[in-house]
Amino acid sequence: MKPYQSTGPHWTYGWLRRTELDSATEGFCYEAPDGDLVYSTHEDHEEIMILFEVVGADGESYLVDKVGLML
């Protein structure tokens, strides 16, 4: 598991839950602050996605869900 700086629900990091863009094939839709759409097929992401702030080797911070935290 990667070490992380902070954690919280998606809205903590300015992400929006975009239910109108959910897809039967791609899953539940979230919109990041930069406008990128992120889809997840994990059932526990239907209402809330818990995100973790990770600092990469280059010193830049990025967000991952619990699966990304394990990679």
PDB file of N, CA and C in Angstrom:
ATOM      1  N   MET A   1       0.848  -1.188   0.000  1.00  0.00           N
ATOM      2  CA  MET A   1       0.000   0.000   0.000  1.00  0.00           C
ATOM      3  C   MET A   1       0.886   1.242   0.000  1.00  0.00           C
ATOM      4  N   LYS A   2       0.506   2.215  -0.803  1.00  0.00           N
ATOM      5  CA  LYS A   2       1.255   3.465  -0.879  1.00  0.00           C
ATOM      6  C   LYS A   2       0.939   4.345   0.335  1.00  0.00           C
ATOM      7  N   PRO A   3       1.918   5.090   0.818  1.00  0.00           N
ATOM      8  CA  PRO A   3       1.605   6.070   1.868  1.00  0.00           C
ATOM      9  C   PRO A   3       0.820   7.235   1.248  1.00  0.00           C
ATOM     10  N   TYR A   4      -0.044   7.839   2.034  1.00  0.00           N
ATOM     11  CA  TYR A   4      -0.835   8.952   1.513  1.00  0.00           C
ATOM     12  C   TYR A   4      -0.826  10.124   2.492  1.00  0.00           C
ATOM     13  N   GLN A   5      -1.069  11.327   1.942  1.00  0.00           N
ATOM     14  CA  GLN A   5      -1.049  12.568   2.714  1.00  0.00           C
ATOM     15  C   GLN A   5      -2.376  12.852   3.397  1.00  0.00           C
ATOM     16  N   SER A   6      -3.460  12.572   2.679  1.00  0.00           N
ATOM     17  CA  SER A   6      -4.794  12.853   3.213  1.00  0.00           C
ATOM     18  C   SER A   6      -5.793  11.918   2.546  1.00  0.00           C
ATOM     19  N   THR A   7      -6.978  11.850   3.124  1.00  0.00           N
ATOM     20  CA  THR A   7      -8.047  11.040   2.547  1.00  0.00           C
ATOM     21  C   THR A   7      -9.391  11.676   2.871  1.00  0.00           C
ATOM     22  N   GLY A   8     -10.375  11.398   2.046  1.00  0.00           N
ATOM     23  CA  GLY A   8     -11.718  11.912   2.291  1.00  0.00           C
ATOM     24  C   GLY A   8     -12.636  11.586   1.144  1.00  0.00           C
ATOM     25  N   PRO A   9     -13.924  11.898   1.314  1.00  0.00           N
ATOM     26  CA  PRO A   9     -14.879  11.670   0.227  1.00  0.00           C
ATOM     27  C   PRO A   9     -14.570  12.596  -0.954  1.00  0.00           C
ATOM     28  N   HIS A  10     -15.069  12.233  -2.115  1.00  0.00           N
ATOM     29  CA  HIS A  10     -14.748  12.950  -3.352  1.00  0.00           C
ATOM     30  C   HIS A  10     -14.940  14.460  -3.267  1.00  0.00           C
ATOM     31  N   TRP A  11     -15.970  14.918  -2.561  1.00  0.00           N
ATOM     32  CA  TRP A  11     -16.232  16.361  -2.509  1.00  0.00           C
ATOM     33  C   TRP A  11     -15.145  17.111  -1.735  1.00  0.00           C
ATOM     34  N   THR A  12     -14.387  16.419  -0.896  1.00  0.00           N
ATOM     35  CA  THR A  12     -13.273  17.042  -0.170  1.00  0.00           C
ATOM     36  C   THR A  12     -12.260  17.636  -1.146  1.00  0.00           C
ATOM     37  N   TYR A  13     -12.136  17.009  -2.298  1.00  0.00           N
ATOM     38  CA  TYR A  13     -11.141  17.408  -3.294  1.00  0.00           C
ATOM     39  C   TYR A  13     -11.768  18.120  -4.495  1.00  0.00           C
ATOM     40  N   GLY A  14     -13.023  18.536  -4.345  1.00  0.00           N
ATOM     41  CA  GLY A  14     -13.684  19.294  -5.395  1.00  0.00           C
ATOM     42  C   GLY A  14     -14.270  18.459  -6.516  1.00  0.00           C
ATOM     43  N   TRP A  15     -14.347  17.149  -6.322  1.00  0.00           N
ATOM     44  CA  TRP A  15     -14.941  16.284  -7.335  1.00  0.00           C
ATOM     45  C   TRP A  15     -16.457  16.318  -7.212  1.00  0.00           C
ATOM     46  N   LEU A  16     -17.134  16.204  -8.331  1.00  0.00           N
ATOM     47  CA  LEU A  16     -18.592  16.175  -8.368  1.00  0.00           C
ATOM     48  C   LEU A  16     -19.082  14.796  -8.790  1.00  0.00           C
ATOM     49  N   ARG A  17     -20.170  14.365  -8.207  1.00  0.00           N
ATOM     50  CA  ARG A  17     -20.807  13.110  -8.632  1.00  0.00           C
ATOM     51  C   ARG A  17     -21.745  13.465  -9.763  1.00  0.00           C
ATOM     52  N   ARG A  18     -21.551  12.903 -10.945  1.00  0.00           N
ATOM     53  CA  ARG A  18     -22.340  13.236 -12.131  1.00  0.00           C
ATOM     54  C   ARG A  18     -23.237  12.069 -12.518  1.00  0.00           C
ATOM     55  N   THR A  19     -24.316  11.868 -11.751  1.00  0.00           N
ATOM     56  CA  THR A  19     -25.217  10.730 -11.978  1.00  0.00           C
ATOM     57  C   THR A  19     -25.836  10.736 -13.372  1.00  0.00           C
ATOM     58  N   GLU A  20     -26.022  11.924 -13.960  1.00  0.00           N
ATOM     59  CA  GLU A  20     -26.637  12.005 -15.283  1.00  0.00           C
ATOM     60  C   GLU A  20     -25.715  11.446 -16.371  1.00  0.00           C
ATOM     61  N   LEU A  21     -24.432  11.245 -16.051  1.00  0.00           N
ATOM     62  CA  LEU A  21     -23.479  10.708 -17.021  1.00  0.00           C
ATOM     63  C   LEU A  21     -23.093   9.253 -16.734  1.00  0.00           C
ATOM     64  N   ASP A  22     -23.766   8.633 -15.753  1.00  0.00           N
ATOM     65  CA  ASP A  22     -23.505   7.219 -15.476  1.00  0.00           C
ATOM     66  C   ASP A  22     -23.749   6.402 -16.736  1.00  0.00           C
ATOM     67  N   SER A  23     -23.002   5.328 -16.873  1.00  0.00           N
ATOM     68  CA  SER A  23     -23.084   4.490 -18.063  1.00  0.00           C
ATOM     69  C   SER A  23     -23.179   3.026 -17.661  1.00  0.00           C
ATOM     70  N   ALA A  24     -23.991   2.281 -18.366  1.00  0.00           N
ATOM     71  CA  ALA A  24     -24.123   0.850 -18.079  1.00  0.00           C
ATOM     72  C   ALA A  24     -22.814   0.119 -18.329  1.00  0.00           C
ATOM     73  N   THR A  25     -22.007   0.603 -19.238  1.00  0.00           N
ATOM     74  CA  THR A  25     -20.739  -0.062 -19.556  1.00  0.00           C
ATOM     75  C   THR A  25     -19.550   0.521 -18.803  1.00  0.00           C
ATOM     76  N   GLU A  26     -19.526   1.845 -18.589  1.00  0.00           N
ATOM     77  CA  GLU A  26     -18.371   2.484 -17.942  1.00  0.00           C
ATOM     78  C   GLU A  26     -18.531   2.650 -16.436  1.00  0.00           C
ATOM     79  N   GLY A  27     -19.756   2.705 -15.956  1.00  0.00           N
ATOM     80  CA  GLY A  27     -19.995   2.790 -14.522  1.00  0.00           C
ATOM     81  C   GLY A  27     -20.449   4.157 -14.038  1.00  0.00           C
ATOM     82  N   PHE A  28     -20.114   4.439 -12.795  1.00  0.00           N
ATOM     83  CA  PHE A  28     -20.523   5.672 -12.125  1.00  0.00           C
ATOM     84  C   PHE A  28     -19.564   6.799 -12.501  1.00  0.00           C
ATOM     85  N   CYS A  29     -20.112   7.972 -12.792  1.00  0.00           N
ATOM     86  CA  CYS A  29     -19.304   9.086 -13.287  1.00  0.00           C
ATOM     87  C   CYS A  29     -19.044  10.137 -12.202  1.00  0.00           C
ATOM     88  N   TYR A  30     -17.798  10.580 -12.176  1.00  0.00           N
ATOM     89  CA  TYR A  30     -17.361  11.677 -11.316  1.00  0.00           C
ATOM     90  C   TYR A  30     -16.627  12.681 -12.185  1.00  0.00           C
ATOM     91  N   GLU A  31     -16.708  13.953 -11.813  1.00  0.00           N
ATOM     92  CA  GLU A  31     -15.997  15.000 -12.542  1.00  0.00           C
ATOM     93  C   GLU A  31     -14.953  15.625 -11.631  1.00  0.00           C
ATOM     94  N   ALA A  32     -13.699  15.579 -12.062  1.00  0.00           N
ATOM     95  CA  ALA A  32     -12.593  16.185 -11.323  1.00  0.00           C
ATOM     96  C   ALA A  32     -12.636  17.702 -11.524  1.00  0.00           C
ATOM     97  N   PRO A  33     -11.984  18.477 -10.665  1.00  0.00           N
ATOM     98  CA  PRO A  33     -12.009  19.939 -10.793  1.00  0.00           C
ATOM     99  C   PRO A  33     -11.518  20.461 -12.148  1.00  0.00           C
ATOM    100  N   ASP A  34     -10.639  19.715 -12.813  1.00  0.00           N
ATOM    101  CA  ASP A  34     -10.139  20.158 -14.122  1.00  0.00           C
ATOM    102  C   ASP A  34     -11.074  19.790 -15.271  1.00  0.00           C
ATOM    103  N   GLY A  35     -12.224  19.176 -14.944  1.00  0.00           N
ATOM    104  CA  GLY A  35     -13.214  18.821 -15.956  1.00  0.00           C
ATOM    105  C   GLY A  35     -13.102  17.399 -16.474  1.00  0.00           C
ATOM    106  N   ASP A  36     -12.046  16.688 -16.099  1.00  0.00           N
ATOM    107  CA  ASP A  36     -11.916  15.295 -16.520  1.00  0.00           C
ATOM    108  C   ASP A  36     -13.038  14.458 -15.912  1.00  0.00           C
ATOM    109  N   LEU A  37     -13.588  13.560 -16.713  1.00  0.00           N
ATOM    110  CA  LEU A  37     -14.609  12.640 -16.228  1.00  0.00           C
ATOM    111  C   LEU A  37     -13.924  11.324 -15.866  1.00  0.00           C
ATOM    112  N   VAL A  38     -14.248  10.830 -14.668  1.00  0.00           N
ATOM    113  CA  VAL A  38     -13.670   9.586 -14.168  1.00  0.00           C
ATOM    114  C   VAL A  38     -14.813   8.624 -13.920  1.00  0.00           C
ATOM    115  N   TYR A  39     -14.700   7.419 -14.468  1.00  0.00           N
ATOM    116  CA  TYR A  39     -15.737   6.411 -14.306  1.00  0.00           C
ATOM    117  C   TYR A  39     -15.237   5.273 -13.431  1.00  0.00           C
ATOM    118  N   SER A  40     -16.138   4.712 -12.649  1.00  0.00           N
ATOM    119  CA  SER A  40     -15.815   3.571 -11.794  1.00  0.00           C
ATOM    120  C   SER A  40     -16.960   2.570 -11.835  1.00  0.00           C
ATOM    121  N   THR A  41     -16.606   1.301 -11.920  1.00  0.00           N
ATOM    122  CA  THR A  41     -17.616   0.251 -11.896  1.00  0.00           C
ATOM    123  C   THR A  41     -17.748  -0.378 -10.511  1.00  0.00           C
ATOM    124  N   HIS A  42     -17.023   0.138  -9.534  1.00  0.00           N
ATOM    125  CA  HIS A  42     -17.113  -0.391  -8.173  1.00  0.00           C
ATOM    126  C   HIS A  42     -18.450   0.011  -7.553  1.00  0.00           C
ATOM    127  N   GLU A  43     -19.212  -0.986  -7.090  1.00  0.00           N
ATOM    128  CA  GLU A  43     -20.543  -0.730  -6.531  1.00  0.00           C
ATOM    129  C   GLU A  43     -20.518   0.268  -5.374  1.00  0.00           C
ATOM    130  N   ASP A  44     -19.454   0.274  -4.571  1.00  0.00           N
ATOM    131  CA  ASP A  44     -19.406   1.202  -3.433  1.00  0.00           C
ATOM    132  C   ASP A  44     -19.169   2.650  -3.872  1.00  0.00           C
ATOM    133  N   HIS A  45     -18.963   2.894  -5.176  1.00  0.00           N
ATOM    134  CA  HIS A  45     -18.780   4.253  -5.682  1.00  0.00           C
ATOM    135  C   HIS A  45     -20.077   4.838  -6.241  1.00  0.00           C
ATOM    136  N   GLU A  46     -21.176   4.152  -6.020  1.00  0.00           N
ATOM    137  CA  GLU A  46     -22.450   4.652  -6.550  1.00  0.00           C
ATOM    138  C   GLU A  46     -22.804   6.024  -5.974  1.00  0.00           C
ATOM    139  N   GLU A  47     -22.501   6.247  -4.708  1.00  0.00           N
ATOM    140  CA  GLU A  47     -22.822   7.530  -4.071  1.00  0.00           C
ATOM    141  C   GLU A  47     -21.593   8.305  -3.626  1.00  0.00           C
ATOM    142  N   ILE A  48     -20.587   7.607  -3.142  1.00  0.00           N
ATOM    143  CA  ILE A  48     -19.396   8.266  -2.598  1.00  0.00           C
ATOM    144  C   ILE A  48     -18.153   7.519  -3.060  1.00  0.00           C
ATOM    145  N   MET A  49     -17.137   8.269  -3.468  1.00  0.00           N
ATOM    146  CA  MET A  49     -15.834   7.682  -3.765  1.00  0.00           C
ATOM    147  C   MET A  49     -14.836   8.269  -2.760  1.00  0.00           C
ATOM    148  N   ILE A  50     -14.217   7.396  -1.981  1.00  0.00           N
ATOM    149  CA  ILE A  50     -13.191   7.843  -1.048  1.00  0.00           C
ATOM    150  C   ILE A  50     -11.881   7.960  -1.816  1.00  0.00           C
ATOM    151  N   LEU A  51     -11.248   9.133  -1.727  1.00  0.00           N
ATOM    152  CA  LEU A  51     -10.002   9.390  -2.438  1.00  0.00           C
ATOM    153  C   LEU A  51      -8.846   9.526  -1.458  1.00  0.00           C
ATOM    154  N   PHE A  52      -7.658   9.213  -1.954  1.00  0.00           N
ATOM    155  CA  PHE A  52      -6.436   9.309  -1.174  1.00  0.00           C
ATOM    156  C   PHE A  52      -5.451  10.179  -1.945  1.00  0.00           C
ATOM    157  N   GLU A  53      -4.839  11.158  -1.266  1.00  0.00           N
ATOM    158  CA  GLU A  53      -3.830  12.011  -1.891  1.00  0.00           C
ATOM    159  C   GLU A  53      -2.463  11.358  -1.703  1.00  0.00           C
ATOM    160  N   VAL A  54      -1.834  11.015  -2.815  1.00  0.00           N
ATOM    161  CA  VAL A  54      -0.540  10.340  -2.817  1.00  0.00           C
ATOM    162  C   VAL A  54       0.485  11.277  -3.448  1.00  0.00           C
ATOM    163  N   VAL A  55       1.699  11.276  -2.928  1.00  0.00           N
ATOM    164  CA  VAL A  55       2.783  12.061  -3.518  1.00  0.00           C
ATOM    165  C   VAL A  55       3.663  11.106  -4.318  1.00  0.00           C
ATOM    166  N   GLY A  56       3.804  11.393  -5.604  1.00  0.00           N
ATOM    167  CA  GLY A  56       4.594  10.547  -6.488  1.00  0.00           C
ATOM    168  C   GLY A  56       6.084  10.763  -6.317  1.00  0.00           C
ATOM    169  N   ALA A  57       6.870   9.954  -7.003  1.00  0.00           N
ATOM    170  CA  ALA A  57       8.333  10.037  -6.951  1.00  0.00           C
ATOM    171  C   ALA A  57       8.833  11.395  -7.423  1.00  0.00           C
ATOM    172  N   ASP A  58       8.058  12.046  -8.297  1.00  0.00           N
ATOM    173  CA  ASP A  58       8.448  13.362  -8.809  1.00  0.00           C
ATOM    174  C   ASP A  58       8.027  14.507  -7.890  1.00  0.00           C
ATOM    175  N   GLY A  59       7.405  14.176  -6.751  1.00  0.00           N
ATOM    176  CA  GLY A  59       6.982  15.191  -5.795  1.00  0.00           C
ATOM    177  C   GLY A  59       5.602  15.759  -6.053  1.00  0.00           C
ATOM    178  N   GLU A  60       4.969  15.351  -7.143  1.00  0.00           N
ATOM    179  CA  GLU A  60       3.624  15.832  -7.479  1.00  0.00           C
ATOM    180  C   GLU A  60       2.571  15.013  -6.739  1.00  0.00           C
ATOM    181  N   SER A  61       1.516  15.687  -6.292  1.00  0.00           N
ATOM    182  CA  SER A  61       0.405  15.007  -5.624  1.00  0.00           C
ATOM    183  C   SER A  61      -0.619  14.562  -6.659  1.00  0.00           C
ATOM    184  N   TYR A  62      -1.220  13.424  -6.404  1.00  0.00           N
ATOM    185  CA  TYR A  62      -2.310  12.951  -7.246  1.00  0.00           C
ATOM    186  C   TYR A  62      -3.283  12.164  -6.386  1.00  0.00           C
ATOM    187  N   LEU A  63      -4.494  11.983  -6.909  1.00  0.00           N
ATOM    188  CA  LEU A  63      -5.548  11.307  -6.164  1.00  0.00           C
ATOM    189  C   LEU A  63      -5.805   9.921  -6.729  1.00  0.00           C
ATOM    190  N   VAL A  64      -6.035   8.970  -5.835  1.00  0.00           N
ATOM    191  CA  VAL A  64      -6.385   7.609  -6.225  1.00  0.00           C
ATOM    192  C   VAL A  64      -7.516   7.125  -5.335  1.00  0.00           C
ATOM    193  N   ASP A  65      -8.223   6.089  -5.803  1.00  0.00           N
ATOM    194  CA  ASP A  65      -9.199   5.437  -4.939  1.00  0.00           C
ATOM    195  C   ASP A  65      -8.478   4.303  -4.203  1.00  0.00           C
ATOM    196  N   LYS A  66      -9.210   3.487  -3.476  1.00  0.00           N
ATOM    197  CA  LYS A  66      -8.556   2.445  -2.668  1.00  0.00           C
ATOM    198  C   LYS A  66      -7.839   1.409  -3.518  1.00  0.00           C
ATOM    199  N   VAL A  67      -8.326   1.162  -4.738  1.00  0.00           N
ATOM    200  CA  VAL A  67      -7.643   0.224  -5.623  1.00  0.00           C
ATOM    201  C   VAL A  67      -6.298   0.813  -6.066  1.00  0.00           C
ATOM    202  N   GLY A  68      -6.275   2.081  -6.426  1.00  0.00           N
ATOM    203  CA  GLY A  68      -5.043   2.752  -6.832  1.00  0.00           C
ATOM    204  C   GLY A  68      -4.031   2.852  -5.711  1.00  0.00           C
ATOM    205  N   LEU A  69      -4.518   2.865  -4.497  1.00  0.00           N
ATOM    206  CA  LEU A  69      -3.644   2.929  -3.342  1.00  0.00           C
ATOM    207  C   LEU A  69      -2.850   1.634  -3.185  1.00  0.00           C
ATOM    208  N   MET A  70      -3.407   0.532  -3.654  1.00  0.00           N
ATOM    209  CA  MET A  70      -2.755  -0.770  -3.535  1.00  0.00           C
ATOM    210  C   MET A  70      -1.741  -1.040  -4.642  1.00  0.00           C
ATOM    211  N   LEU A  71      -1.831  -0.314  -5.745  1.00  0.00           N
ATOM    212  CA  LEU A  71      -0.937  -0.563  -6.888  1.00  0.00           C
ATOM    213  C   LEU A  71       0.455  -0.020  -6.667  1.00  0.00           C
TER     214      LEU A  71
END
